[in-house]
All heavy atoms as atom14 arrays in JSON, in Angstrom:
{
  "sequence": "MATEAVPNGAVVSLETRIGIAAGDIPAGSSGTVHVEGV",
  "atom14_mask": [
    [1, 1, 1, 1, 1, 1, 1, 1, 0, 0, 0, 0, 0, 0],
    [1, 1, 1, 1, 1, 0, 0, 0, 0, 0, 0, 0, 0, 0],
    [1, 1, 1, 1, 1, 1, 1, 0, 0, 0, 0, 0, 0, 0],
    [1, 1, 1, 1, 1, 1, 1, 1, 1, 0, 0, 0, 0, 0],
    [1, 1, 1, 1, 1, 0, 0, 0, 0, 0, 0, 0, 0, 0],
    [1, 1, 1, 1, 1, 1, 1, 0, 0, 0, 0, 0, 0, 0],
    [1, 1, 1, 1, 1, 1, 1, 0, 0, 0, 0, 0, 0, 0],
    [1, 1, 1, 1, 1, 1, 1, 1, 0, 0, 0, 0, 0, 0],
    [1, 1, 1, 1, 0, 0, 0, 0, 0, 0, 0, 0, 0, 0],
    [1, 1, 1, 1, 1, 0, 0, 0, 0, 0, 0, 0, 0, 0],
    [1, 1, 1, 1, 1, 1, 1, 0, 0, 0, 0, 0, 0, 0],
    [1, 1, 1, 1, 1, 1, 1, 0, 0, 0, 0, 0, 0, 0],
    [1, 1, 1, 1, 1, 1, 0, 0, 0, 0, 0, 0, 0, 0],
    [1, 1, 1, 1, 1, 1, 1, 1, 0, 0, 0, 0, 0, 0],
    [1, 1, 1, 1, 1, 1, 1, 1, 1, 0, 0, 0, 0, 0],
    [1, 1, 1, 1, 1, 1, 1, 0, 0, 0, 0, 0, 0, 0],
    [1, 1, 1, 1, 1, 1, 1, 1, 1, 1, 1, 0, 0, 0],
    [1, 1, 1, 1, 1, 1, 1, 1, 0, 0, 0, 0, 0, 0],
    [1, 1, 1, 1, 0, 0, 0, 0, 0, 0, 0, 0, 0, 0],
    [1, 1, 1, 1, 1, 1, 1, 1, 0, 0, 0, 0, 0, 0],
    [1, 1, 1, 1, 1, 0, 0, 0, 0, 0, 0, 0, 0, 0],
    [1, 1, 1, 1, 1, 0, 0, 0, 0, 0, 0, 0, 0, 0],
    [1, 1, 1, 1, 0, 0, 0, 0, 0, 0, 0, 0, 0, 0],
    [1, 1, 1, 1, 1, 1, 1, 1, 0, 0, 0, 0, 0, 0],
    [1, 1, 1, 1, 1, 1, 1, 1, 0, 0, 0, 0, 0, 0],
    [1, 1, 1, 1, 1, 1, 1, 0, 0, 0, 0, 0, 0, 0],
    [1, 1, 1, 1, 1, 0, 0, 0, 0, 0, 0, 0, 0, 0],
    [1, 1, 1, 1, 0, 0, 0, 0, 0, 0, 0, 0, 0, 0],
    [1, 1, 1, 1, 1, 1, 0, 0, 0, 0, 0, 0, 0, 0],
    [1, 1, 1, 1, 1, 1, 0, 0, 0, 0, 0, 0, 0, 0],
    [1, 1, 1, 1, 0, 0, 0, 0, 0, 0, 0, 0, 0, 0],
    [1, 1, 1, 1, 1, 1, 1, 0, 0, 0, 0, 0, 0, 0],
    [1, 1, 1, 1, 1, 1, 1, 0, 0, 0, 0, 0, 0, 0],
    [1, 1, 1, 1, 1, 1, 1, 1, 1, 1, 0, 0, 0, 0],
    [1, 1, 1, 1, 1, 1, 1, 0, 0, 0, 0, 0, 0, 0],
    [1, 1, 1, 1, 1, 1, 1, 1, 1, 0, 0, 0, 0, 0],
    [1, 1, 1, 1, 0, 0, 0, 0, 0, 0, 0, 0, 0, 0],
    [1, 1, 1, 1, 1, 1, 1, 0, 0, 0, 0, 0, 0, 0]
  ],
  "atom14_positions": [
    [[-86.89, -35.95, 124.16], [-88.11, -35.69, 124.92], [-89.02, -34.79, 124.08], [-88.68, -33.64, 123.81], [-87.78, -35.01, 126.26], [-89.01, -34.7, 127.1], [-90.02, -36.14, 127.53], [-88.98, -36.96, 128.71], [0.0, 0.0, 0.0], [0.0, 0.0, 0.0], [0.0, 0.0, 0.0], [0.0, 0.0, 0.0], [0.0, 0.0, 0.0], [0.0, 0.0, 0.0]],
    [[-90.14, -35.33, 123.66], [-91.07, -34.6, 122.78], [-91.99, -33.69, 123.58], [-92.62, -34.13, 124.53], [-91.9, -35.6, 121.97], [0.0, 0.0, 0.0], [0.0, 0.0, 0.0], [0.0, 0.0, 0.0], [0.0, 0.0, 0.0], [0.0, 0.0, 0.0], [0.0, 0.0, 0.0], [0.0, 0.0, 0.0], [0.0, 0.0, 0.0], [0.0, 0.0, 0.0]],
    [[-92.06, -32.43, 123.19], [-92.99, -31.5, 123.82], [-94.35, -31.56, 123.14], [-95.35, -31.12, 123.71], [-92.45, -30.05, 123.76], [-92.2, -29.72, 122.39], [-91.17, -29.93, 124.56], [0.0, 0.0, 0.0], [0.0, 0.0, 0.0], [0.0, 0.0, 0.0], [0.0, 0.0, 0.0], [0.0, 0.0, 0.0], [0.0, 0.0, 0.0], [0.0, 0.0, 0.0]],
    [[-94.37, -32.09, 121.92], [-95.62, -32.33, 121.19], [-95.47, -33.66, 120.47], [-94.35, -34.17, 120.31], [-95.91, -31.21, 120.19], [-94.82, -31.0, 119.18], [-95.06, -29.77, 118.31], [-95.44, -28.71, 118.84], [-94.87, -29.88, 117.09], [0.0, 0.0, 0.0], [0.0, 0.0, 0.0], [0.0, 0.0, 0.0], [0.0, 0.0, 0.0], [0.0, 0.0, 0.0]],
    [[-96.57, -34.27, 120.06], [-96.52, -35.57, 119.4], [-95.67, -35.49, 118.13], [-95.78, -34.53, 117.35], [-97.92, -36.04, 119.06], [0.0, 0.0, 0.0], [0.0, 0.0, 0.0], [0.0, 0.0, 0.0], [0.0, 0.0, 0.0], [0.0, 0.0, 0.0], [0.0, 0.0, 0.0], [0.0, 0.0, 0.0], [0.0, 0.0, 0.0], [0.0, 0.0, 0.0]],
    [[-94.82, -36.48, 117.93], [-93.94, -36.55, 116.77], [-94.2, -37.88, 116.06], [-94.0, -38.94, 116.65], [-92.46, -36.47, 117.18], [-91.55, -36.58, 115.97], [-92.16, -35.21, 117.97], [0.0, 0.0, 0.0], [0.0, 0.0, 0.0], [0.0, 0.0, 0.0], [0.0, 0.0, 0.0], [0.0, 0.0, 0.0], [0.0, 0.0, 0.0], [0.0, 0.0, 0.0]],
    [[-94.66, -37.84, 114.8], [-94.91, -39.1, 114.09], [-93.62, -39.75, 113.59], [-92.61, -39.07, 113.38], [-95.79, -38.68, 112.92], [-95.5, -37.24, 112.7], [-95.09, -36.67, 114.03], [0.0, 0.0, 0.0], [0.0, 0.0, 0.0], [0.0, 0.0, 0.0], [0.0, 0.0, 0.0], [0.0, 0.0, 0.0], [0.0, 0.0, 0.0], [0.0, 0.0, 0.0]],
    [[-93.67, -41.05, 113.42], [-92.55, -41.81, 112.88], [-92.07, -41.18, 111.57], [-92.88, -40.85, 110.7], [-93.0, -43.26, 112.63], [-91.9, -44.12, 112.08], [-90.72, -43.94, 112.39], [-92.26, -45.08, 111.27], [0.0, 0.0, 0.0], [0.0, 0.0, 0.0], [0.0, 0.0, 0.0], [0.0, 0.0, 0.0], [0.0, 0.0, 0.0], [0.0, 0.0, 0.0]],
    [[-90.77, -40.99, 111.43], [-90.19, -40.44, 110.21], [-90.17, -38.92, 110.13], [-89.64, -38.36, 109.17], [0.0, 0.0, 0.0], [0.0, 0.0, 0.0], [0.0, 0.0, 0.0], [0.0, 0.0, 0.0], [0.0, 0.0, 0.0], [0.0, 0.0, 0.0], [0.0, 0.0, 0.0], [0.0, 0.0, 0.0], [0.0, 0.0, 0.0], [0.0, 0.0, 0.0]],
    [[-90.72, -38.25, 111.12], [-90.76, -36.79, 111.1], [-89.37, -36.21, 111.37], [-88.57, -36.8, 112.1], [-91.73, -36.25, 112.14], [0.0, 0.0, 0.0], [0.0, 0.0, 0.0], [0.0, 0.0, 0.0], [0.0, 0.0, 0.0], [0.0, 0.0, 0.0], [0.0, 0.0, 0.0], [0.0, 0.0, 0.0], [0.0, 0.0, 0.0], [0.0, 0.0, 0.0]],
    [[-89.1, -35.06, 110.78], [-87.86, -34.34, 111.06], [-88.03, -33.64, 112.4], [-89.04, -33.01, 112.67], [-87.56, -33.3, 109.95], [-86.34, -32.48, 110.3], [-87.38, -34.01, 108.61], [0.0, 0.0, 0.0], [0.0, 0.0, 0.0], [0.0, 0.0, 0.0], [0.0, 0.0, 0.0], [0.0, 0.0, 0.0], [0.0, 0.0, 0.0], [0.0, 0.0, 0.0]],
    [[-87.02, -33.77, 113.25], [-87.02, -33.17, 114.58], [-85.88, -32.16, 114.64], [-84.73, -32.49, 114.34], [-86.83, -34.25, 115.66], [-86.7, -33.63, 117.04], [-87.96, -35.26, 115.62], [0.0, 0.0, 0.0], [0.0, 0.0, 0.0], [0.0, 0.0, 0.0], [0.0, 0.0, 0.0], [0.0, 0.0, 0.0], [0.0, 0.0, 0.0], [0.0, 0.0, 0.0]],
    [[-86.2, -30.93, 115.02], [-85.17, -29.91, 115.17], [-84.41, -30.14, 116.47], [-85.0, -30.24, 117.54], [-85.78, -28.52, 115.2], [-84.8, -27.56, 115.58], [0.0, 0.0, 0.0], [0.0, 0.0, 0.0], [0.0, 0.0, 0.0], [0.0, 0.0, 0.0], [0.0, 0.0, 0.0], [0.0, 0.0, 0.0], [0.0, 0.0, 0.0], [0.0, 0.0, 0.0]],
    [[-83.08, -30.19, 116.35], [-82.21, -30.27, 117.52], [-81.39, -28.98, 117.62], [-80.25, -28.99, 118.07], [-81.3, -31.51, 117.41], [-82.05, -32.85, 117.3], [-81.07, -33.99, 117.06], [-82.91, -33.11, 118.51], [0.0, 0.0, 0.0], [0.0, 0.0, 0.0], [0.0, 0.0, 0.0], [0.0, 0.0, 0.0], [0.0, 0.0, 0.0], [0.0, 0.0, 0.0]],
    [[-81.98, -27.9, 117.15], [-81.42, -26.54, 117.17], [-80.27, -26.34, 116.18], [-80.35, -25.49, 115.33], [-80.99, -26.12, 118.57], [-82.1, -26.16, 119.6], [-83.3, -25.29, 119.25], [-83.13, -24.2, 118.67], [-84.42, -25.72, 119.56], [0.0, 0.0, 0.0], [0.0, 0.0, 0.0], [0.0, 0.0, 0.0], [0.0, 0.0, 0.0], [0.0, 0.0, 0.0]],
    [[-79.19, -27.08, 116.29], [-78.04, -26.9, 115.41], [-77.91, -28.01, 114.38], [-76.92, -28.07, 113.65], [-76.73, -26.85, 116.22], [-76.56, -28.1, 116.91], [-76.74, -25.69, 117.21], [0.0, 0.0, 0.0], [0.0, 0.0, 0.0], [0.0, 0.0, 0.0], [0.0, 0.0, 0.0], [0.0, 0.0, 0.0], [0.0, 0.0, 0.0], [0.0, 0.0, 0.0]],
    [[-78.9, -28.89, 114.32], [-78.96, -30.01, 113.38], [-80.33, -30.64, 113.49], [-81.14, -30.19, 114.28], [-77.85, -31.03, 113.65], [-77.96, -31.71, 115.01], [-76.66, -32.3, 115.49], [-75.7, -31.23, 115.72], [-74.51, -31.14, 115.11], [-74.11, -32.07, 114.29], [-73.7, -30.14, 115.35], [0.0, 0.0, 0.0], [0.0, 0.0, 0.0], [0.0, 0.0, 0.0]],
    [[-80.58, -31.65, 112.7], [-81.87, -32.32, 112.75], [-81.67, -33.8, 113.08], [-80.58, -34.35, 112.95], [-82.65, -32.2, 111.43], [-81.92, -32.88, 110.27], [-82.98, -30.74, 111.13], [-82.73, -33.03, 109.0], [0.0, 0.0, 0.0], [0.0, 0.0, 0.0], [0.0, 0.0, 0.0], [0.0, 0.0, 0.0], [0.0, 0.0, 0.0], [0.0, 0.0, 0.0]],
    [[-82.76, -34.42, 113.49], [-82.82, -35.86, 113.67], [-84.1, -36.35, 113.01], [-84.97, -35.55, 112.64], [0.0, 0.0, 0.0], [0.0, 0.0, 0.0], [0.0, 0.0, 0.0], [0.0, 0.0, 0.0], [0.0, 0.0, 0.0], [0.0, 0.0, 0.0], [0.0, 0.0, 0.0], [0.0, 0.0, 0.0], [0.0, 0.0, 0.0], [0.0, 0.0, 0.0]],
    [[-84.23, -37.65, 112.85], [-85.41, -38.25, 112.26], [-86.03, -39.19, 113.29], [-85.34, -40.09, 113.8], [-85.06, -39.04, 110.97], [-84.25, -38.18, 109.99], [-86.32, -39.62, 110.34], [-84.97, -36.98, 109.42], [0.0, 0.0, 0.0], [0.0, 0.0, 0.0], [0.0, 0.0, 0.0], [0.0, 0.0, 0.0], [0.0, 0.0, 0.0], [0.0, 0.0, 0.0]],
    [[-87.31, -39.0, 113.59], [-87.99, -39.84, 114.58], [-87.99, -41.3, 114.12], [-88.38, -41.61, 113.0], [-89.41, -39.35, 114.79], [0.0, 0.0, 0.0], [0.0, 0.0, 0.0], [0.0, 0.0, 0.0], [0.0, 0.0, 0.0], [0.0, 0.0, 0.0], [0.0, 0.0, 0.0], [0.0, 0.0, 0.0], [0.0, 0.0, 0.0], [0.0, 0.0, 0.0]],
    [[-87.54, -42.19, 115.01], [-87.45, -43.61, 114.71], [-88.78, -44.33, 114.91], [-88.94, -45.48, 114.54], [-86.38, -44.26, 115.57], [0.0, 0.0, 0.0], [0.0, 0.0, 0.0], [0.0, 0.0, 0.0], [0.0, 0.0, 0.0], [0.0, 0.0, 0.0], [0.0, 0.0, 0.0], [0.0, 0.0, 0.0], [0.0, 0.0, 0.0], [0.0, 0.0, 0.0]],
    [[-89.73, -43.64, 115.5], [-91.07, -44.19, 115.75], [-91.94, -43.06, 116.25], [-91.46, -41.94, 116.45], [0.0, 0.0, 0.0], [0.0, 0.0, 0.0], [0.0, 0.0, 0.0], [0.0, 0.0, 0.0], [0.0, 0.0, 0.0], [0.0, 0.0, 0.0], [0.0, 0.0, 0.0], [0.0, 0.0, 0.0], [0.0, 0.0, 0.0], [0.0, 0.0, 0.0]],
    [[-93.22, -43.34, 116.44], [-94.11, -42.32, 117.0], [-93.64, -41.98, 118.42], [-93.31, -42.87, 119.21], [-95.55, -42.83, 117.06], [-96.16, -43.03, 115.69], [-95.7, -42.39, 114.72], [-97.11, -43.83, 115.58], [0.0, 0.0, 0.0], [0.0, 0.0, 0.0], [0.0, 0.0, 0.0], [0.0, 0.0, 0.0], [0.0, 0.0, 0.0], [0.0, 0.0, 0.0]],
    [[-93.61, -40.68, 118.74], [-93.23, -40.24, 120.08], [-94.39, -39.4, 120.62], [-94.63, -38.29, 120.12], [-91.93, -39.4, 120.07], [-90.8, -40.13, 119.34], [-91.52, -39.08, 121.51], [-89.55, -39.28, 119.13], [0.0, 0.0, 0.0], [0.0, 0.0, 0.0], [0.0, 0.0, 0.0], [0.0, 0.0, 0.0], [0.0, 0.0, 0.0], [0.0, 0.0, 0.0]],
    [[-95.12, -39.9, 121.6], [-96.22, -39.11, 122.16], [-95.7, -37.86, 122.88], [-94.58, -37.85, 123.4], [-96.87, -40.08, 123.17], [-96.39, -41.44, 122.79], [-95.03, -41.23, 122.18], [0.0, 0.0, 0.0], [0.0, 0.0, 0.0], [0.0, 0.0, 0.0], [0.0, 0.0, 0.0], [0.0, 0.0, 0.0], [0.0, 0.0, 0.0], [0.0, 0.0, 0.0]],
    [[-96.52, -36.83, 122.93], [-96.17, -35.6, 123.64], [-95.84, -35.93, 125.09], [-96.52, -36.74, 125.73], [-97.31, -34.61, 123.57], [0.0, 0.0, 0.0], [0.0, 0.0, 0.0], [0.0, 0.0, 0.0], [0.0, 0.0, 0.0], [0.0, 0.0, 0.0], [0.0, 0.0, 0.0], [0.0, 0.0, 0.0], [0.0, 0.0, 0.0], [0.0, 0.0, 0.0]],
    [[-94.76, -35.35, 125.6], [-94.35, -35.56, 126.97], [-93.61, -36.86, 127.21], [-93.31, -37.2, 128.35], [0.0, 0.0, 0.0], [0.0, 0.0, 0.0], [0.0, 0.0, 0.0], [0.0, 0.0, 0.0], [0.0, 0.0, 0.0], [0.0, 0.0, 0.0], [0.0, 0.0, 0.0], [0.0, 0.0, 0.0], [0.0, 0.0, 0.0], [0.0, 0.0, 0.0]],
    [[-93.32, -37.57, 126.14], [-92.61, -38.85, 126.25], [-91.25, -38.77, 125.59], [-90.99, -37.91, 124.77], [-93.42, -39.96, 125.58], [-94.63, -40.15, 126.24], [0.0, 0.0, 0.0], [0.0, 0.0, 0.0], [0.0, 0.0, 0.0], [0.0, 0.0, 0.0], [0.0, 0.0, 0.0], [0.0, 0.0, 0.0], [0.0, 0.0, 0.0], [0.0, 0.0, 0.0]],
    [[-90.4, -39.72, 125.95], [-89.08, -39.82, 125.35], [-89.13, -40.87, 124.25], [-89.78, -41.91, 124.38], [-88.07, -40.24, 126.42], [-86.79, -40.34, 125.87], [0.0, 0.0, 0.0], [0.0, 0.0, 0.0], [0.0, 0.0, 0.0], [0.0, 0.0, 0.0], [0.0, 0.0, 0.0], [0.0, 0.0, 0.0], [0.0, 0.0, 0.0], [0.0, 0.0, 0.0]],
    [[-88.45, -40.57, 123.16], [-88.37, -41.51, 122.04], [-87.02, -41.38, 121.37], [-86.19, -40.55, 121.75], [0.0, 0.0, 0.0], [0.0, 0.0, 0.0], [0.0, 0.0, 0.0], [0.0, 0.0, 0.0], [0.0, 0.0, 0.0], [0.0, 0.0, 0.0], [0.0, 0.0, 0.0], [0.0, 0.0, 0.0], [0.0, 0.0, 0.0], [0.0, 0.0, 0.0]],
    [[-86.82, -42.18, 120.35], [-85.53, -42.23, 119.67], [-85.56, -41.42, 118.38], [-86.52, -41.5, 117.62], [-85.16, -43.69, 119.34], [-85.11, -44.42, 120.56], [-83.83, -43.79, 118.62], [0.0, 0.0, 0.0], [0.0, 0.0, 0.0], [0.0, 0.0, 0.0], [0.0, 0.0, 0.0], [0.0, 0.0, 0.0], [0.0, 0.0, 0.0], [0.0, 0.0, 0.0]],
    [[-84.51, -40.63, 118.17], [-84.31, -39.96, 116.9], [-82.96, -40.37, 116.34], [-81.97, -40.46, 117.06], [-84.4, -38.41, 116.99], [-85.8, -37.97, 117.38], [-83.39, -37.83, 117.94], [0.0, 0.0, 0.0], [0.0, 0.0, 0.0], [0.0, 0.0, 0.0], [0.0, 0.0, 0.0], [0.0, 0.0, 0.0], [0.0, 0.0, 0.0], [0.0, 0.0, 0.0]],
    [[-82.95, -40.65, 115.04], [-81.7, -40.99, 114.36], [-80.99, -39.69, 114.0], [-81.61, -38.75, 113.52], [-81.98, -41.78, 113.08], [-82.58, -43.13, 113.34], [-81.86, -44.18, 113.84], [-83.84, -43.58, 113.18], [-82.64, -45.22, 113.97], [-83.86, -44.89, 113.59], [0.0, 0.0, 0.0], [0.0, 0.0, 0.0], [0.0, 0.0, 0.0], [0.0, 0.0, 0.0]],
    [[-79.68, -39.65, 114.23], [-78.89, -38.47, 113.89], [-77.77, -38.8, 112.91], [-76.96, -37.94, 112.58], [-78.32, -37.78, 115.15], [-79.45, -37.15, 115.97], [-77.5, -38.74, 116.0], [0.0, 0.0, 0.0], [0.0, 0.0, 0.0], [0.0, 0.0, 0.0], [0.0, 0.0, 0.0], [0.0, 0.0, 0.0], [0.0, 0.0, 0.0], [0.0, 0.0, 0.0]],
    [[-77.74, -40.04, 112.45], [-76.78, -40.47, 111.43], [-77.54, -41.23, 110.36], [-78.62, -41.74, 110.6], [-75.69, -41.37, 112.03], [-74.77, -40.64, 112.97], [-73.63, -41.52, 113.48], [-73.6, -42.72, 113.15], [-72.8, -41.0, 114.22], [0.0, 0.0, 0.0], [0.0, 0.0, 0.0], [0.0, 0.0, 0.0], [0.0, 0.0, 0.0], [0.0, 0.0, 0.0]],
    [[-76.95, -41.29, 109.18], [-77.56, -42.04, 108.1], [-77.94, -41.13, 106.94], [-77.77, -39.91, 107.0], [0.0, 0.0, 0.0], [0.0, 0.0, 0.0], [0.0, 0.0, 0.0], [0.0, 0.0, 0.0], [0.0, 0.0, 0.0], [0.0, 0.0, 0.0], [0.0, 0.0, 0.0], [0.0, 0.0, 0.0], [0.0, 0.0, 0.0], [0.0, 0.0, 0.0]],
    [[-78.46, -41.75, 105.89], [-78.93, -41.02, 104.7], [-80.43, -41.2, 104.62], [-80.94, -42.33, 104.68], [-78.24, -41.56, 103.42], [-78.79, -40.87, 102.19], [-76.73, -41.38, 103.51], [0.0, 0.0, 0.0], [0.0, 0.0, 0.0], [0.0, 0.0, 0.0], [0.0, 0.0, 0.0], [0.0, 0.0, 0.0], [0.0, 0.0, 0.0], [0.0, 0.0, 0.0]]
  ]
}
């Protein structure tokens, strides 16, 4: 759940690790972040 707009490919802080946005995520919307991979 994005509190601010997140562009595709952006690093997302998950507090104790990071994820990578799988697509654009508008503020206040839910989107997918990848947490595995290189």
